[in-house]
PDB file of N, CA and C in Angstrom:
ATOM      1  N   UNK A   1      25.953-203.623 100.614  1.00  0.00           N
ATOM      2  CA  UNK A   1      25.611-204.821 101.188  1.00  0.00           C
ATOM      3  C   UNK A   1      25.907-205.546  99.902  1.00  0.00           C
ATOM      4  N   UNK A   2      27.446-206.094 100.979  1.00  0.00           N
ATOM      5  CA  UNK A   2      28.019-207.695  99.669  1.00  0.00           C
ATOM      6  C   UNK A   2      27.613-208.766  99.598  1.00  0.00           C
ATOM      7  N   UNK A   3      27.300-208.886  98.786  1.00  0.00           N
ATOM      8  CA  UNK A   3      26.638-210.718  98.046  1.00  0.00           C
ATOM      9  C   UNK A   3      27.254-212.114  98.812  1.00  0.00           C
ATOM     10  N   UNK A   4      28.843-211.391  98.897  1.00  0.00           N
ATOM     11  CA  UNK A   4      29.431-212.628  99.527  1.00  0.00           C
ATOM     12  C   UNK A   4      29.763-212.452 101.109  1.00  0.00           C
ATOM     13  N   UNK A   5      29.426-212.899 102.410  1.00  0.00           N
ATOM     14  CA  UNK A   5      29.609-212.388 103.477  1.00  0.00           C
ATOM     15  C   UNK A   5      31.016-212.377 103.640  1.00  0.00           C
ATOM     16  N   UNK A   6      31.583-212.464 104.912  1.00  0.00           N
ATOM     17  CA  UNK A   6      32.794-212.230 105.642  1.00  0.00           C
ATOM     18  C   UNK A   6      32.519-213.531 106.193  1.00  0.00           C
ATOM     19  N   UNK A   7      34.092-214.325 105.544  1.00  0.00           N
ATOM     20  CA  UNK A   7      34.337-215.331 106.247  1.00  0.00           C
ATOM     21  C   UNK A   7      34.374-215.857 108.031  1.00  0.00           C
ATOM     22  N   UNK A   8      33.412-216.661 108.698  1.00  0.00           N
ATOM     23  CA  UNK A   8      33.335-216.551 110.047  1.00  0.00           C
ATOM     24  C   UNK A   8      35.240-217.162 110.717  1.00  0.00           C
ATOM     25  N   UNK A   9      35.545-216.281 111.460  1.00  0.00           N
ATOM     26  CA  UNK A   9      36.515-216.096 112.715  1.00  0.00           C
ATOM     27  C   UNK A   9      36.842-217.923 112.812  1.00  0.00           C
ATOM     28  N   UNK A  10      38.044-218.475 111.956  1.00  0.00           N
ATOM     29  CA  UNK A  10      38.081-220.409 112.222  1.00  0.00           C
ATOM     30  C   UNK A  10      39.328-219.333 114.087  1.00  0.00           C
ATOM     31  N   UNK A  11      38.837-220.572 114.808  1.00  0.00           N
ATOM     32  CA  UNK A  11      39.840-220.898 116.116  1.00  0.00           C
ATOM     33  C   UNK A  11      40.070-221.991 116.077  1.00  0.00           C
ATOM     34  N   UNK A  12      41.280-221.968 116.419  1.00  0.00           N
ATOM     35  CA  UNK A  12      42.228-223.777 116.824  1.00  0.00           C
ATOM     36  C   UNK A  12      41.785-224.079 118.187  1.00  0.00           C
ATOM     37  N   UNK A  13      41.174-225.655 118.076  1.00  0.00           N
ATOM     38  CA  UNK A  13      40.946-225.936 119.666  1.00  0.00           C
ATOM     39  C   UNK A  13      41.535-227.077 119.444  1.00  0.00           C
ATOM     40  N   UNK A  14      41.627-227.501 120.501  1.00  0.00           N
ATOM     41  CA  UNK A  14      42.045-228.869 120.362  1.00  0.00           C
ATOM     42  C   UNK A  14      41.414-230.481 121.035  1.00  0.00           C
ATOM     43  N   UNK A  15      40.382-231.071 120.852  1.00  0.00           N
ATOM     44  CA  UNK A  15      39.742-232.234 121.653  1.00  0.00           C
ATOM     45  C   UNK A  15      40.107-233.713 121.300  1.00  0.00           C
ATOM     46  N   UNK A  16      39.857-234.263 122.319  1.00  0.00           N
ATOM     47  CA  UNK A  16      39.827-235.705 122.528  1.00  0.00           C
ATOM     48  C   UNK A  16      38.556-236.151 121.906  1.00  0.00           C
ATOM     49  N   UNK A  17      38.700-237.313 120.263  1.00  0.00           N
ATOM     50  CA  UNK A  17      37.551-237.631 120.207  1.00  0.00           C
ATOM     51  C   UNK A  17      37.509-239.227 120.196  1.00  0.00           C
ATOM     52  N   UNK A  18      36.877-240.243 120.525  1.00  0.00           N
ATOM     53  CA  UNK A  18      36.599-241.612 120.113  1.00  0.00           C
ATOM     54  C   UNK A  18      37.176-242.003 119.054  1.00  0.00           C
ATOM     55  N   UNK A  19      37.960-242.894 118.414  1.00  0.00           N
ATOM     56  CA  UNK A  19      38.429-243.406 117.587  1.00  0.00           C
ATOM     57  C   UNK A  19      37.460-244.065 116.539  1.00  0.00           C
ATOM     58  N   UNK A  20      36.153-244.752 117.129  1.00  0.00           N
ATOM     59  CA  UNK A  20      35.242-244.901 116.034  1.00  0.00           C
ATOM     60  C   UNK A  20      34.840-243.769 115.327  1.00  0.00           C
ATOM     61  N   UNK A  21      34.858-242.660 115.849  1.00  0.00           N
ATOM     62  CA  UNK A  21      34.223-241.255 115.524  1.00  0.00           C
ATOM     63  C   UNK A  21      35.601-240.485 115.087  1.00  0.00           C
ATOM     64  N   UNK A  22      36.702-240.828 115.200  1.00  0.00           N
ATOM     65  CA  UNK A  22      37.975-240.420 114.309  1.00  0.00           C
ATOM     66  C   UNK A  22      37.861-240.832 112.973  1.00  0.00           C
ATOM     67  N   UNK A  23      37.374-241.967 112.686  1.00  0.00           N
ATOM     68  CA  UNK A  23      37.175-243.234 111.667  1.00  0.00           C
ATOM     69  C   UNK A  23      36.193-242.100 110.848  1.00  0.00           C
ATOM     70  N   UNK A  24      35.025-242.704 111.015  1.00  0.00           N
ATOM     71  CA  UNK A  24      33.759-241.552 110.859  1.00  0.00           C
ATOM     72  C   UNK A  24      34.036-240.270 110.600  1.00  0.00           C
ATOM     73  N   UNK A  25      34.619-239.311 111.067  1.00  0.00           N
ATOM     74  CA  UNK A  25      34.459-238.263 110.702  1.00  0.00           C
ATOM     75  C   UNK A  25      35.636-238.272 108.920  1.00  0.00           C
ATOM     76  N   UNK A  26      36.912-239.228 109.255  1.00  0.00           N
ATOM     77  CA  UNK A  26      37.449-238.994 108.293  1.00  0.00           C
ATOM     78  C   UNK A  26      36.684-239.682 106.665  1.00  0.00           C
ATOM     79  N   UNK A  27      36.153-241.286 106.452  1.00  0.00           N
ATOM     80  CA  UNK A  27      35.601-241.233 105.816  1.00  0.00           C
ATOM     81  C   UNK A  27      34.187-240.868 105.298  1.00  0.00           C
ATOM     82  N   UNK A  28      33.448-239.546 106.461  1.00  0.00           N
ATOM     83  CA  UNK A  28      33.037-238.882 105.673  1.00  0.00           C
ATOM     84  C   UNK A  28      32.970-237.374 105.027  1.00  0.00           C
ATOM     85  N   UNK A  29      34.750-236.786 105.200  1.00  0.00           N
ATOM     86  CA  UNK A  29      34.783-236.049 104.571  1.00  0.00           C
ATOM     87  C   UNK A  29      35.452-236.483 103.866  1.00  0.00           C
ATOM     88  N   UNK A  30      35.729-237.812 103.102  1.00  0.00           N
ATOM     89  CA  UNK A  30      36.701-238.232 101.947  1.00  0.00           C
ATOM     90  C   UNK A  30      35.192-238.350 100.919  1.00  0.00           C
ATOM     91  N   UNK A  31      33.958-238.978 101.598  1.00  0.00           N
ATOM     92  CA  UNK A  31      32.933-238.676 101.005  1.00  0.00           C
ATOM     93  C   UNK A  31      32.479-237.398 100.266  1.00  0.00           C
ATOM     94  N   UNK A  32      31.850-236.682 101.133  1.00  0.00           N
ATOM     95  CA  UNK A  32      31.884-235.391 100.342  1.00  0.00           C
ATOM     96  C   UNK A  32      32.679-234.721 100.224  1.00  0.00           C
ATOM     97  N   UNK A  33      34.085-235.030  99.835  1.00  0.00           N
ATOM     98  CA  UNK A  33      34.883-234.044  99.143  1.00  0.00           C
ATOM     99  C   UNK A  33      35.762-233.088 100.100  1.00  0.00           C
ATOM    100  N   UNK A  34      35.645-233.093 100.805  1.00  0.00           N
ATOM    101  CA  UNK A  34      36.135-232.027 102.308  1.00  0.00           C
ATOM    102  C   UNK A  34      36.569-232.355 103.716  1.00  0.00           C
ATOM    103  N   UNK A  35      37.114-231.084 104.038  1.00  0.00           N
ATOM    104  CA  UNK A  35      38.186-231.548 105.116  1.00  0.00           C
ATOM    105  C   UNK A  35      37.123-231.791 106.563  1.00  0.00           C
ATOM    106  N   UNK A  36      38.119-232.671 107.668  1.00  0.00           N
ATOM    107  CA  UNK A  36      37.887-233.308 108.376  1.00  0.00           C
ATOM    108  C   UNK A  36      37.092-232.336 109.063  1.00  0.00           C
ATOM    109  N   UNK A  37      37.987-231.032 109.476  1.00  0.00           N
ATOM    110  CA  UNK A  37      37.665-229.995 110.777  1.00  0.00           C
ATOM    111  C   UNK A  37      36.362-229.145 109.637  1.00  0.00           C
ATOM    112  N   UNK A  38      36.102-229.154 108.956  1.00  0.00           N
ATOM    113  CA  UNK A  38      34.494-228.859 108.189  1.00  0.00           C
ATOM    114  C   UNK A  38      32.795-229.996 108.484  1.00  0.00           C
ATOM    115  N   UNK A  39      33.740-231.208 108.575  1.00  0.00           N
ATOM    116  CA  UNK A  39      32.468-231.960 108.888  1.00  0.00           C
ATOM    117  C   UNK A  39      32.629-231.908 110.597  1.00  0.00           C
ATOM    118  N   UNK A  40      33.374-231.946 111.001  1.00  0.00           N
ATOM    119  CA  UNK A  40      32.800-232.242 112.735  1.00  0.00           C
ATOM    120  C   UNK A  40      32.710-230.427 112.959  1.00  0.00           C
ATOM    121  N   UNK A  41      32.647-229.387 112.456  1.00  0.00           N
ATOM    122  CA  UNK A  41      32.784-228.012 112.500  1.00  0.00           C
ATOM    123  C   UNK A  41      30.432-228.259 111.970  1.00  0.00           C
ATOM    124  N   UNK A  42      30.666-228.950 110.997  1.00  0.00           N
ATOM    125  CA  UNK A  42      29.111-228.504 111.083  1.00  0.00           C
ATOM    126  C   UNK A  42      28.167-229.867 111.644  1.00  0.00           C
ATOM    127  N   UNK A  43      28.568-230.224 112.006  1.00  0.00           N
ATOM    128  CA  UNK A  43      27.633-231.807 112.258  1.00  0.00           C
ATOM    129  C   UNK A  43      27.690-230.852 114.021  1.00  0.00           C
ATOM    130  N   UNK A  44      29.162-230.233 114.848  1.00  0.00           N
ATOM    131  CA  UNK A  44      28.071-229.431 116.325  1.00  0.00           C
ATOM    132  C   UNK A  44      27.407-228.621 115.645  1.00  0.00           C
ATOM    133  N   UNK A  45      27.766-227.830 114.785  1.00  0.00           N
ATOM    134  CA  UNK A  45      26.821-226.539 114.514  1.00  0.00           C
ATOM    135  C   UNK A  45      25.224-227.610 114.294  1.00  0.00           C
ATOM    136  N   UNK A  46      24.989-228.435 113.219  1.00  0.00           N
ATOM    137  CA  UNK A  46      23.761-228.412 113.908  1.00  0.00           C
ATOM    138  C   UNK A  46      23.494-229.048 115.014  1.00  0.00           C
ATOM    139  N   UNK A  47      24.181-230.151 115.448  1.00  0.00           N
ATOM    140  CA  UNK A  47      23.060-230.375 116.936  1.00  0.00           C
ATOM    141  C   UNK A  47      23.520-229.730 118.015  1.00  0.00           C
ATOM    142  N   UNK A  48      23.938-229.045 118.278  1.00  0.00           N
ATOM    143  CA  UNK A  48      24.152-227.754 119.657  1.00  0.00           C
ATOM    144  C   UNK A  48      23.342-226.647 119.292  1.00  0.00           C
ATOM    145  N   UNK A  49      23.296-226.445 117.648  1.00  0.00           N
ATOM    146  CA  UNK A  49      22.500-224.663 117.643  1.00  0.00           C
ATOM    147  C   UNK A  49      21.183-225.230 117.515  1.00  0.00           C
ATOM    148  N   UNK A  50      20.928-226.340 117.105  1.00  0.00           N
ATOM    149  CA  UNK A  50      18.788-226.970 116.735  1.00  0.00           C
ATOM    150  C   UNK A  50      18.549-227.313 118.529  1.00  0.00           C
ATOM    151  N   UNK A  51      20.061-227.586 119.810  1.00  0.00           N
ATOM    152  CA  UNK A  51      19.783-228.219 121.065  1.00  0.00           C
ATOM    153  C   UNK A  51      18.406-227.081 121.678  1.00  0.00           C
ATOM    154  N   UNK A  52      16.863-227.641 121.602  1.00  0.00           N
ATOM    155  CA  UNK A  52      16.169-226.364 122.285  1.00  0.00           C
ATOM    156  C   UNK A  52      16.130-226.336 123.646  1.00  0.00           C
ATOM    157  N   UNK A  53      16.598-227.019 124.062  1.00  0.00           N
ATOM    158  CA  UNK A  53      16.731-226.932 126.075  1.00  0.00           C
ATOM    159  C   UNK A  53      17.498-226.199 126.307  1.00  0.00           C
ATOM    160  N   UNK A  54      18.968-225.988 125.048  1.00  0.00           N
ATOM    161  CA  UNK A  54      20.416-225.380 125.305  1.00  0.00           C
ATOM    162  C   UNK A  54      20.173-223.949 124.406  1.00  0.00           C
ATOM    163  N   UNK A  55      19.254-223.494 123.705  1.00  0.00           N
ATOM    164  CA  UNK A  55      19.158-222.534 122.454  1.00  0.00           C
ATOM    165  C   UNK A  55      18.354-221.965 124.087  1.00  0.00           C
ATOM    166  N   UNK A  56      17.352-222.417 124.524  1.00  0.00           N
ATOM    167  CA  UNK A  56      16.921-221.358 125.615  1.00  0.00           C
ATOM    168  C   UNK A  56      17.339-221.224 127.080  1.00  0.00           C
ATOM    169  N   UNK A  57      18.020-221.790 126.856  1.00  0.00           N
ATOM    170  CA  UNK A  57      19.393-221.239 128.109  1.00  0.00           C
ATOM    171  C   UNK A  57      20.149-220.734 127.641  1.00  0.00           C
ATOM    172  N   UNK A  58      20.540-220.759 127.048  1.00  0.00           N
ATOM    173  CA  UNK A  58      21.826-219.030 126.273  1.00  0.00           C
ATOM    174  C   UNK A  58      21.074-218.386 126.224  1.00  0.00           C
ATOM    175  N   UNK A  59      19.882-217.723 125.506  1.00  0.00           N
ATOM    176  CA  UNK A  59      18.927-216.847 125.129  1.00  0.00           C
ATOM    177  C   UNK A  59      19.000-216.545 126.649  1.00  0.00           C
ATOM    178  N   UNK A  60      18.807-216.783 127.700  1.00  0.00           N
ATOM    179  CA  UNK A  60      19.578-215.887 128.991  1.00  0.00           C
ATOM    180  C   UNK A  60      20.619-215.865 129.896  1.00  0.00           C
ATOM    181  N   UNK A  61      21.117-216.299 128.817  1.00  0.00           N
ATOM    182  CA  UNK A  61      22.753-216.123 129.761  1.00  0.00           C
ATOM    183  C   UNK A  61      23.412-215.089 128.589  1.00  0.00           C
ATOM    184  N   UNK A  62      22.797-214.243 127.257  1.00  0.00           N
ATOM    185  CA  UNK A  62      23.234-213.633 126.144  1.00  0.00           C
ATOM    186  C   UNK A  62      24.785-212.621 126.744  1.00  0.00           C
ATOM    187  N   UNK A  63      25.095-212.172 126.877  1.00  0.00           N
ATOM    188  CA  UNK A  63      26.255-211.041 127.013  1.00  0.00           C
ATOM    189  C   UNK A  63      25.791-209.957 125.944  1.00  0.00           C
ATOM    190  N   UNK A  64      26.918-209.042 126.336  1.00  0.00           N
ATOM    191  CA  UNK A  64      26.682-207.659 125.153  1.00  0.00           C
ATOM    192  C   UNK A  64      26.426-207.625 124.352  1.00  0.00           C
ATOM    193  N   UNK A  65      26.887-208.670 123.295  1.00  0.00           N
ATOM    194  CA  UNK A  65      27.249-208.889 121.805  1.00  0.00           C
ATOM    195  C   UNK A  65      26.018-210.208 121.585  1.00  0.00           C
ATOM    196  N   UNK A  66      25.235-210.345 122.788  1.00  0.00           N
ATOM    197  CA  UNK A  66      24.427-211.258 122.066  1.00  0.00           C
ATOM    198  C   UNK A  66      24.773-212.810 121.591  1.00  0.00           C
ATOM    199  N   UNK A  67      26.519-213.683 122.663  1.00  0.00           N
ATOM    200  CA  UNK A  67      26.814-214.116 121.444  1.00  0.00           C
ATOM    201  C   UNK A  67      27.116-215.076 123.190  1.00  0.00           C
ATOM    202  N   UNK A  68      26.178-215.595 123.945  1.00  0.00           N
ATOM    203  CA  UNK A  68      26.412-216.293 124.846  1.00  0.00           C
ATOM    204  C   UNK A  68      27.755-215.883 126.768  1.00  0.00           C
ATOM    205  N   UNK A  69      27.719-216.065 127.320  1.00  0.00           N
ATOM    206  CA  UNK A  69      28.170-216.032 128.333  1.00  0.00           C
ATOM    207  C   UNK A  69      29.304-214.943 128.517  1.00  0.00           C
ATOM    208  N   UNK A  70      29.810-214.519 128.469  1.00  0.00           N
ATOM    209  CA  UNK A  70      31.374-213.695 128.362  1.00  0.00           C
ATOM    210  C   UNK A  70      31.830-214.538 129.605  1.00  0.00           C
ATOM    211  N   UNK A  71      33.055-214.508 128.747  1.00  0.00           N
ATOM    212  CA  UNK A  71      34.367-215.264 130.110  1.00  0.00           C
ATOM    213  C   UNK A  71      35.551-214.823 130.883  1.00  0.00           C
ATOM    214  N   UNK A  72      34.979-215.093 131.742  1.00  0.00           N
ATOM    215  CA  UNK A  72      36.049-214.240 132.761  1.00  0.00           C
ATOM    216  C   UNK A  72      37.466-214.066 132.586  1.00  0.00           C
ATOM    217  N   UNK A  73      38.211-213.584 133.404  1.00  0.00           N
ATOM    218  CA  UNK A  73      39.430-213.735 133.311  1.00  0.00           C
ATOM    219  C   UNK A  73      40.168-214.756 133.104  1.00  0.00           C
ATOM    220  N   UNK A  74      39.836-215.972 133.981  1.00  0.00           N
ATOM    221  CA  UNK A  74      40.863-217.110 134.292  1.00  0.00           C
ATOM    222  C   UNK A  74      40.156-217.909 133.192  1.00  0.00           C
ATOM    223  N   UNK A  75      39.279-217.968 132.094  1.00  0.00           N
ATOM    224  CA  UNK A  75      39.166-218.293 131.367  1.00  0.00           C
ATOM    225  C   UNK A  75      39.634-217.762 130.042  1.00  0.00           C
ATOM    226  N   UNK A  76      40.069-216.299 130.201  1.00  0.00           N
ATOM    227  CA  UNK A  76      40.241-216.214 128.929  1.00  0.00           C
ATOM    228  C   UNK A  76      42.073-216.640 128.326  1.00  0.00           C
ATOM    229  N   UNK A  77      42.312-216.717 129.352  1.00  0.00           N
ATOM    230  CA  UNK A  77      43.883-217.631 129.797  1.00  0.00           C
ATOM    231  C   UNK A  77      43.929-218.292 129.169  1.00  0.00           C
ATOM    232  N   UNK A  78      42.861-219.247 130.213  1.00  0.00           N
ATOM    233  CA  UNK A  78      42.699-220.363 129.374  1.00  0.00           C
ATOM    234  C   UNK A  78      42.611-221.223 127.736  1.00  0.00           C
ATOM    235  N   UNK A  79      43.296-222.571 127.839  1.00  0.00           N
ATOM    236  CA  UNK A  79      43.234-222.569 126.304  1.00  0.00           C
ATOM    237  C   UNK A  79      42.314-224.340 126.589  1.00  0.00           C
ATOM    238  N   UNK A  80      41.397-224.198 125.763  1.00  0.00           N
ATOM    239  CA  UNK A  80      40.370-225.262 125.574  1.00  0.00           C
ATOM    240  C   UNK A  80      40.827-226.850 125.680  1.00  0.00           C
TER     241      UNK A  80
END
């Protein structure tokens, strides 16, 4: 078993965020000397995976790999 885990897959997405939020993300990234992408990913991970109600719903809708609901054919071709 390796000591260092394989890097998780990085997927490019495009989302619009409010100007004040974008400024805070950039300032926070500078504060911790990291990329804004890292700040956004970390913040979303903390919020979304700690939401108990959402997590309960997720566990009821797991696909065959246990990673959430499977995408339909129309969702697979759509860009987020």
